[in-house]
Amino acid sequence: QVQLVESGGGLVQAGGSLRLSCAASGISFSINTAGWFRQAPGKQRDLVAVISSGGSTNVGDSVKGRFTISRDNAKNTVYLQMDSLKSEDTAVYYCCVGSYWGQGTQVTVSS
């Protein structure tokens, strides 16, 4: 059974930082692309960042220069380092590994 467990969300002031983690089990993590998406109330789920099995990354334009995605295959974990957070980054953040999704973690940025 595949499980993706996200952690690290919370409430932070604008300009602050958070690091999200997504620990995977029941899946061959190292051979799968992993990514982070986010969904704000009333909006569609959008791609934030993605990292391939080989470590190549792609980051959305709205977070470029502020967010960094990384992975640790030894820990079956993908991370999202979020710096210089803005109120518009407020959303539920979901990790995705292969075709599987986590349950989401809330990130709220107060201005």
Foldseek 3Di string as FASTA:
>chain_A
DKAWDKDWADEEAAQAKIKMKIAIPPDQLLQWKKFKWWDAPPGDIGTAKIAHSVGDIDGDPVQPPFWDWGDDSVRNMIMIIGGRDDQVVFTWMWMDTHHDIHPTDTHGYHD
